[in-house]
């Protein structure tokens, strides 16, 4: 899947997320695609998805967390 396709998938998931679950869905999507977007800066991620640049910190956190979760057995392909 291309980077642009991933951004579209994330945008779609966020668009249908209930308002009170938006942040949860955002974090889940960041975890889901962390490996595919490991070469992307947090700024590029935010631009690609259309998010405020301040959410780039969350992207960095989730990408780092994914490594630990995968060591504990998380299969991001099941997300």
PDB file of N, CA and C in Angstrom:
ATOM      1  N   UNK A   1       0.853  -1.171   0.000  1.00  0.00           N
ATOM      2  CA  UNK A   1       0.000   0.000   0.000  1.00  0.00           C
ATOM      3  C   UNK A   1       0.901   1.237   0.000  1.00  0.00           C
ATOM      4  N   UNK A   2       0.573   2.201  -0.821  1.00  0.00           N
ATOM      5  CA  UNK A   2       1.385   3.412  -0.911  1.00  0.00           C
ATOM      6  C   UNK A   2       1.117   4.329   0.289  1.00  0.00           C
ATOM      7  N   UNK A   3       2.009   5.250   0.479  1.00  0.00           N
ATOM      8  CA  UNK A   3       1.864   6.217   1.573  1.00  0.00           C
ATOM      9  C   UNK A   3       0.552   6.993   1.440  1.00  0.00           C
ATOM     10  N   UNK A   4       0.228   7.411   0.233  1.00  0.00           N
ATOM     11  CA  UNK A   4      -1.011   8.164   0.013  1.00  0.00           C
ATOM     12  C   UNK A   4      -2.244   7.313   0.301  1.00  0.00           C
ATOM     13  N   UNK A   5      -2.191   6.036  -0.039  1.00  0.00           N
ATOM     14  CA  UNK A   5      -3.313   5.135   0.264  1.00  0.00           C
ATOM     15  C   UNK A   5      -3.482   4.964   1.769  1.00  0.00           C
ATOM     16  N   UNK A   6      -2.374   4.882   2.468  1.00  0.00           N
ATOM     17  CA  UNK A   6      -2.438   4.784   3.931  1.00  0.00           C
ATOM     18  C   UNK A   6      -3.078   6.034   4.509  1.00  0.00           C
ATOM     19  N   UNK A   7      -2.665   7.189   4.035  1.00  0.00           N
ATOM     20  CA  UNK A   7      -3.258   8.438   4.528  1.00  0.00           C
ATOM     21  C   UNK A   7      -4.764   8.456   4.267  1.00  0.00           C
ATOM     22  N   UNK A   8      -5.172   7.980   3.121  1.00  0.00           N
ATOM     23  CA  UNK A   8      -6.606   7.941   2.810  1.00  0.00           C
ATOM     24  C   UNK A   8      -7.341   6.981   3.735  1.00  0.00           C
ATOM     25  N   UNK A   9      -6.737   5.840   4.031  1.00  0.00           N
ATOM     26  CA  UNK A   9      -7.345   4.881   4.954  1.00  0.00           C
ATOM     27  C   UNK A   9      -7.512   5.502   6.343  1.00  0.00           C
ATOM     28  N   UNK A  10      -6.494   6.214   6.782  1.00  0.00           N
ATOM     29  CA  UNK A  10      -6.555   6.861   8.100  1.00  0.00           C
ATOM     30  C   UNK A  10      -7.613   7.948   8.102  1.00  0.00           C
ATOM     31  N   UNK A  11      -7.657   8.763   7.062  1.00  0.00           N
ATOM     32  CA  UNK A  11      -8.674   9.820   6.972  1.00  0.00           C
ATOM     33  C   UNK A  11     -10.074   9.228   7.024  1.00  0.00           C
ATOM     34  N   UNK A  12     -10.286   8.130   6.308  1.00  0.00           N
ATOM     35  CA  UNK A  12     -11.597   7.486   6.292  1.00  0.00           C
ATOM     36  C   UNK A  12     -11.960   6.957   7.678  1.00  0.00           C
ATOM     37  N   UNK A  13     -11.014   6.309   8.340  1.00  0.00           N
ATOM     38  CA  UNK A  13     -11.271   5.776   9.680  1.00  0.00           C
ATOM     39  C   UNK A  13     -11.608   6.900  10.660  1.00  0.00           C
ATOM     40  N   UNK A  14     -10.921   8.013  10.542  1.00  0.00           N
ATOM     41  CA  UNK A  14     -11.191   9.150  11.427  1.00  0.00           C
ATOM     42  C   UNK A  14     -12.532   9.794  11.110  1.00  0.00           C
ATOM     43  N   UNK A  15     -12.898   9.809   9.838  1.00  0.00           N
ATOM     44  CA  UNK A  15     -14.154  10.436   9.423  1.00  0.00           C
ATOM     45  C   UNK A  15     -15.374   9.695   9.983  1.00  0.00           C
ATOM     46  N   UNK A  16     -15.271   8.381  10.135  1.00  0.00           N
ATOM     47  CA  UNK A  16     -16.422   7.607  10.622  1.00  0.00           C
ATOM     48  C   UNK A  16     -16.344   7.295  12.118  1.00  0.00           C
ATOM     49  N   UNK A  17     -15.263   7.706  12.764  1.00  0.00           N
ATOM     50  CA  UNK A  17     -15.124   7.457  14.204  1.00  0.00           C
ATOM     51  C   UNK A  17     -16.109   8.332  14.970  1.00  0.00           C
ATOM     52  N   UNK A  18     -16.749   7.758  15.979  1.00  0.00           N
ATOM     53  CA  UNK A  18     -17.612   8.584  16.832  1.00  0.00           C
ATOM     54  C   UNK A  18     -16.795   9.723  17.443  1.00  0.00           C
ATOM     55  N   UNK A  19     -17.443  10.831  17.650  1.00  0.00           N
ATOM     56  CA  UNK A  19     -16.744  12.022  18.135  1.00  0.00           C
ATOM     57  C   UNK A  19     -15.968  11.760  19.418  1.00  0.00           C
ATOM     58  N   UNK A  20     -16.543  10.984  20.310  1.00  0.00           N
ATOM     59  CA  UNK A  20     -15.862  10.719  21.578  1.00  0.00           C
ATOM     60  C   UNK A  20     -14.807   9.614  21.459  1.00  0.00           C
ATOM     61  N   UNK A  21     -14.604   9.070  20.264  1.00  0.00           N
ATOM     62  CA  UNK A  21     -13.599   8.029  20.036  1.00  0.00           C
ATOM     63  C   UNK A  21     -12.539   8.458  19.016  1.00  0.00           C
ATOM     64  N   UNK A  22     -12.558   9.722  18.612  1.00  0.00           N
ATOM     65  CA  UNK A  22     -11.650  10.215  17.575  1.00  0.00           C
ATOM     66  C   UNK A  22     -10.185   9.998  17.955  1.00  0.00           C
ATOM     67  N   UNK A  23      -9.810  10.388  19.160  1.00  0.00           N
ATOM     68  CA  UNK A  23      -8.417  10.268  19.589  1.00  0.00           C
ATOM     69  C   UNK A  23      -7.997   8.808  19.705  1.00  0.00           C
ATOM     70  N   UNK A  24      -8.892   7.973  20.183  1.00  0.00           N
ATOM     71  CA  UNK A  24      -8.603   6.543  20.274  1.00  0.00           C
ATOM     72  C   UNK A  24      -8.361   5.982  18.871  1.00  0.00           C
ATOM     73  N   UNK A  25      -9.218   6.354  17.937  1.00  0.00           N
ATOM     74  CA  UNK A  25      -9.067   5.872  16.559  1.00  0.00           C
ATOM     75  C   UNK A  25      -7.774   6.392  15.939  1.00  0.00           C
ATOM     76  N   UNK A  26      -7.435   7.633  16.207  1.00  0.00           N
ATOM     77  CA  UNK A  26      -6.198   8.201  15.691  1.00  0.00           C
ATOM     78  C   UNK A  26      -4.995   7.397  16.198  1.00  0.00           C
ATOM     79  N   UNK A  27      -4.967   7.114  17.489  1.00  0.00           N
ATOM     80  CA  UNK A  27      -3.863   6.327  18.051  1.00  0.00           C
ATOM     81  C   UNK A  27      -3.824   4.925  17.455  1.00  0.00           C
ATOM     82  N   UNK A  28      -4.967   4.304  17.311  1.00  0.00           N
ATOM     83  CA  UNK A  28      -5.030   2.968  16.734  1.00  0.00           C
ATOM     84  C   UNK A  28      -4.488   2.954  15.305  1.00  0.00           C
ATOM     85  N   UNK A  29      -4.852   3.943  14.511  1.00  0.00           N
ATOM     86  CA  UNK A  29      -4.371   4.030  13.134  1.00  0.00           C
ATOM     87  C   UNK A  29      -2.866   4.275  13.091  1.00  0.00           C
ATOM     88  N   UNK A  30      -2.388   5.076  14.010  1.00  0.00           N
ATOM     89  CA  UNK A  30      -0.941   5.315  14.080  1.00  0.00           C
ATOM     90  C   UNK A  30      -0.192   4.029  14.395  1.00  0.00           C
ATOM     91  N   UNK A  31      -0.733   3.242  15.318  1.00  0.00           N
ATOM     92  CA  UNK A  31      -0.114   1.959  15.649  1.00  0.00           C
ATOM     93  C   UNK A  31      -0.177   1.005  14.464  1.00  0.00           C
ATOM     94  N   UNK A  32      -1.319   0.970  13.836  1.00  0.00           N
ATOM     95  CA  UNK A  32      -1.551   0.045  12.721  1.00  0.00           C
ATOM     96  C   UNK A  32      -0.561   0.251  11.582  1.00  0.00           C
ATOM     97  N   UNK A  33      -0.274   1.501  11.255  1.00  0.00           N
ATOM     98  CA  UNK A  33       0.565   1.807  10.098  1.00  0.00           C
ATOM     99  C   UNK A  33       1.980   2.262  10.453  1.00  0.00           C
ATOM    100  N   UNK A  34       2.377   2.074  11.698  1.00  0.00           N
ATOM    101  CA  UNK A  34       3.688   2.555  12.149  1.00  0.00           C
ATOM    102  C   UNK A  34       4.834   1.990  11.324  1.00  0.00           C
ATOM    103  N   UNK A  35       4.787   0.709  11.020  1.00  0.00           N
ATOM    104  CA  UNK A  35       5.884   0.098  10.256  1.00  0.00           C
ATOM    105  C   UNK A  35       5.964   0.649   8.843  1.00  0.00           C
ATOM    106  N   UNK A  36       4.817   0.800   8.202  1.00  0.00           N
ATOM    107  CA  UNK A  36       4.796   1.312   6.832  1.00  0.00           C
ATOM    108  C   UNK A  36       5.211   2.777   6.741  1.00  0.00           C
ATOM    109  N   UNK A  37       5.048   3.500   7.857  1.00  0.00           N
ATOM    110  CA  UNK A  37       5.358   4.933   7.859  1.00  0.00           C
ATOM    111  C   UNK A  37       6.601   5.259   8.683  1.00  0.00           C
ATOM    112  N   UNK A  38       7.456   4.273   8.913  1.00  0.00           N
ATOM    113  CA  UNK A  38       8.626   4.514   9.764  1.00  0.00           C
ATOM    114  C   UNK A  38       9.617   5.497   9.154  1.00  0.00           C
ATOM    115  N   UNK A  39       9.567   5.687   7.854  1.00  0.00           N
ATOM    116  CA  UNK A  39      10.467   6.622   7.173  1.00  0.00           C
ATOM    117  C   UNK A  39       9.895   8.045   7.117  1.00  0.00           C
ATOM    118  N   UNK A  40       8.667   8.222   7.580  1.00  0.00           N
ATOM    119  CA  UNK A  40       7.962   9.500   7.496  1.00  0.00           C
ATOM    120  C   UNK A  40       8.187  10.302   8.774  1.00  0.00           C
ATOM    121  N   UNK A  41       8.421  11.595   8.629  1.00  0.00           N
ATOM    122  CA  UNK A  41       8.539  12.448   9.810  1.00  0.00           C
ATOM    123  C   UNK A  41       7.144  12.716  10.373  1.00  0.00           C
ATOM    124  N   UNK A  42       7.106  13.124  11.615  1.00  0.00           N
ATOM    125  CA  UNK A  42       5.809  13.434  12.221  1.00  0.00           C
ATOM    126  C   UNK A  42       5.124  14.586  11.481  1.00  0.00           C
ATOM    127  N   UNK A  43       5.898  15.507  11.007  1.00  0.00           N
ATOM    128  CA  UNK A  43       5.339  16.628  10.244  1.00  0.00           C
ATOM    129  C   UNK A  43       4.719  16.147   8.931  1.00  0.00           C
ATOM    130  N   UNK A  44       5.423  15.259   8.236  1.00  0.00           N
ATOM    131  CA  UNK A  44       4.899  14.714   6.982  1.00  0.00           C
ATOM    132  C   UNK A  44       3.626  13.912   7.228  1.00  0.00           C
ATOM    133  N   UNK A  45       3.593  13.170   8.336  1.00  0.00           N
ATOM    134  CA  UNK A  45       2.397  12.411   8.679  1.00  0.00           C
ATOM    135  C   UNK A  45       1.210  13.347   8.863  1.00  0.00           C
ATOM    136  N   UNK A  46       1.394  14.378   9.644  1.00  0.00           N
ATOM    137  CA  UNK A  46       0.303  15.317   9.910  1.00  0.00           C
ATOM    138  C   UNK A  46      -0.171  15.993   8.621  1.00  0.00           C
ATOM    139  N   UNK A  47       0.751  16.378   7.771  1.00  0.00           N
ATOM    140  CA  UNK A  47       0.371  16.979   6.495  1.00  0.00           C
ATOM    141  C   UNK A  47      -0.391  15.981   5.631  1.00  0.00           C
ATOM    142  N   UNK A  48       0.077  14.736   5.599  1.00  0.00           N
ATOM    143  CA  UNK A  48      -0.556  13.715   4.769  1.00  0.00           C
ATOM    144  C   UNK A  48      -1.971  13.385   5.194  1.00  0.00           C
ATOM    145  N   UNK A  49      -2.208  13.384   6.501  1.00  0.00           N
ATOM    146  CA  UNK A  49      -3.530  13.048   7.016  1.00  0.00           C
ATOM    147  C   UNK A  49      -4.404  14.287   7.175  1.00  0.00           C
ATOM    148  N   UNK A  50      -3.773  15.460   7.169  1.00  0.00           N
ATOM    149  CA  UNK A  50      -4.530  16.700   7.337  1.00  0.00           C
ATOM    150  C   UNK A  50      -4.789  17.039   8.790  1.00  0.00           C
ATOM    151  N   UNK A  51      -3.813  16.759   9.630  1.00  0.00           N
ATOM    152  CA  UNK A  51      -3.926  17.020  11.061  1.00  0.00           C
ATOM    153  C   UNK A  51      -3.113  18.246  11.452  1.00  0.00           C
ATOM    154  N   UNK A  52      -3.437  18.799  12.613  1.00  0.00           N
ATOM    155  CA  UNK A  52      -2.623  19.882  13.152  1.00  0.00           C
ATOM    156  C   UNK A  52      -1.218  19.350  13.409  1.00  0.00           C
ATOM    157  N   UNK A  53      -0.236  20.170  13.144  1.00  0.00           N
ATOM    158  CA  UNK A  53       1.159  19.759  13.312  1.00  0.00           C
ATOM    159  C   UNK A  53       1.470  19.347  14.746  1.00  0.00           C
ATOM    160  N   UNK A  54       0.741  19.883  15.700  1.00  0.00           N
ATOM    161  CA  UNK A  54       0.976  19.547  17.110  1.00  0.00           C
ATOM    162  C   UNK A  54       0.702  18.067  17.402  1.00  0.00           C
ATOM    163  N   UNK A  55      -0.073  17.398  16.564  1.00  0.00           N
ATOM    164  CA  UNK A  55      -0.340  15.972  16.764  1.00  0.00           C
ATOM    165  C   UNK A  55       0.821  15.096  16.313  1.00  0.00           C
ATOM    166  N   UNK A  56       1.839  15.703  15.755  1.00  0.00           N
ATOM    167  CA  UNK A  56       3.029  14.964  15.356  1.00  0.00           C
ATOM    168  C   UNK A  56       3.699  14.274  16.524  1.00  0.00           C
ATOM    169  N   UNK A  57       3.622  14.870  17.696  1.00  0.00           N
ATOM    170  CA  UNK A  57       4.190  14.259  18.896  1.00  0.00           C
ATOM    171  C   UNK A  57       3.500  12.931  19.182  1.00  0.00           C
ATOM    172  N   UNK A  58       2.193  12.898  18.992  1.00  0.00           N
ATOM    173  CA  UNK A  58       1.446  11.659  19.212  1.00  0.00           C
ATOM    174  C   UNK A  58       1.887  10.582  18.227  1.00  0.00           C
ATOM    175  N   UNK A  59       2.141  10.975  16.992  1.00  0.00           N
ATOM    176  CA  UNK A  59       2.610  10.025  15.981  1.00  0.00           C
ATOM    177  C   UNK A  59       3.945   9.417  16.414  1.00  0.00           C
ATOM    178  N   UNK A  60       4.849  10.253  16.882  1.00  0.00           N
ATOM    179  CA  UNK A  60       6.157   9.758  17.334  1.00  0.00           C
ATOM    180  C   UNK A  60       6.008   8.812  18.512  1.00  0.00           C
ATOM    181  N   UNK A  61       5.142   9.158  19.449  1.00  0.00           N
ATOM    182  CA  UNK A  61       4.913   8.296  20.612  1.00  0.00           C
ATOM    183  C   UNK A  61       4.353   6.942  20.193  1.00  0.00           C
ATOM    184  N   UNK A  62       3.367   6.955  19.329  1.00  0.00           N
ATOM    185  CA  UNK A  62       2.732   5.709  18.914  1.00  0.00           C
ATOM    186  C   UNK A  62       3.695   4.836  18.112  1.00  0.00           C
ATOM    187  N   UNK A  63       4.519   5.457  17.307  1.00  0.00           N
ATOM    188  CA  UNK A  63       5.498   4.688  16.533  1.00  0.00           C
ATOM    189  C   UNK A  63       6.491   4.008  17.478  1.00  0.00           C
ATOM    190  N   UNK A  64       6.936   4.715  18.506  1.00  0.00           N
ATOM    191  CA  UNK A  64       7.846   4.127  19.496  1.00  0.00           C
ATOM    192  C   UNK A  64       7.143   3.042  20.319  1.00  0.00           C
ATOM    193  N   UNK A  65       5.906   3.269  20.652  1.00  0.00           N
ATOM    194  CA  UNK A  65       5.139   2.297  21.420  1.00  0.00           C
ATOM    195  C   UNK A  65       4.903   1.016  20.618  1.00  0.00           C
ATOM    196  N   UNK A  66       4.732   1.136  19.330  1.00  0.00           N
ATOM    197  CA  UNK A  66       4.498  -0.027  18.477  1.00  0.00           C
ATOM    198  C   UNK A  66       5.634  -1.035  18.601  1.00  0.00           C
ATOM    199  N   UNK A  67       6.850  -0.564  18.649  1.00  0.00           N
ATOM    200  CA  UNK A  67       7.996  -1.464  18.776  1.00  0.00           C
ATOM    201  C   UNK A  67       7.874  -2.299  20.040  1.00  0.00           C
ATOM    202  N   UNK A  68       7.539  -1.676  21.134  1.00  0.00           N
ATOM    203  CA  UNK A  68       7.408  -2.403  22.404  1.00  0.00           C
ATOM    204  C   UNK A  68       6.223  -3.343  22.393  1.00  0.00           C
ATOM    205  N   UNK A  69       5.118  -2.893  21.816  1.00  0.00           N
ATOM    206  CA  UNK A  69       3.931  -3.741  21.761  1.00  0.00           C
ATOM    207  C   UNK A  69       4.157  -4.968  20.881  1.00  0.00           C
ATOM    208  N   UNK A  70       4.881  -4.805  19.795  1.00  0.00           N
ATOM    209  CA  UNK A  70       5.168  -5.935  18.913  1.00  0.00           C
ATOM    210  C   UNK A  70       6.071  -6.951  19.617  1.00  0.00           C
ATOM    211  N   UNK A  71       6.998  -6.474  20.425  1.00  0.00           N
ATOM    212  CA  UNK A  71       7.841  -7.385  21.205  1.00  0.00           C
ATOM    213  C   UNK A  71       7.012  -8.182  22.208  1.00  0.00           C
ATOM    214  N   UNK A  72       5.897  -7.583  22.628  1.00  0.00           N
ATOM    215  CA  UNK A  72       5.013  -8.248  23.579  1.00  0.00           C
ATOM    216  C   UNK A  72       3.968  -9.121  22.874  1.00  0.00           C
ATOM    217  N   UNK A  73       4.009  -9.153  21.536  1.00  0.00           N
ATOM    218  CA  UNK A  73       3.110 -10.043  20.806  1.00  0.00           C
ATOM    219  C   UNK A  73       2.046  -9.390  19.954  1.00  0.00           C
ATOM    220  N   UNK A  74       1.991  -8.081  19.902  1.00  0.00           N
ATOM    221  CA  UNK A  74       0.976  -7.408  19.085  1.00  0.00           C
ATOM    222  C   UNK A  74       1.190  -7.707  17.605  1.00  0.00           C
ATOM    223  N   UNK A  75       0.118  -8.058  16.921  1.00  0.00           N
ATOM    224  CA  UNK A  75       0.137  -8.230  15.475  1.00  0.00           C
ATOM    225  C   UNK A  75      -0.620  -7.049  14.876  1.00  0.00           C
ATOM    226  N   UNK A  76       0.101  -6.071  14.364  1.00  0.00           N
ATOM    227  CA  UNK A  76      -0.542  -4.850  13.858  1.00  0.00           C
ATOM    228  C   UNK A  76      -1.417  -5.126  12.648  1.00  0.00           C
ATOM    229  N   UNK A  77      -1.230  -6.259  11.986  1.00  0.00           N
ATOM    230  CA  UNK A  77      -2.072  -6.586  10.841  1.00  0.00           C
ATOM    231  C   UNK A  77      -3.497  -6.971  11.264  1.00  0.00           C
ATOM    232  N   UNK A  78      -3.686  -7.248  12.547  1.00  0.00           N
ATOM    233  CA  UNK A  78      -5.015  -7.575  13.050  1.00  0.00           C
ATOM    234  C   UNK A  78      -5.788  -6.352  13.520  1.00  0.00           C
ATOM    235  N   UNK A  79      -5.135  -5.199  13.520  1.00  0.00           N
ATOM    236  CA  UNK A  79      -5.819  -3.986  13.975  1.00  0.00           C
ATOM    237  C   UNK A  79      -6.761  -3.463  12.914  1.00  0.00           C
TER     238      UNK A  79
END
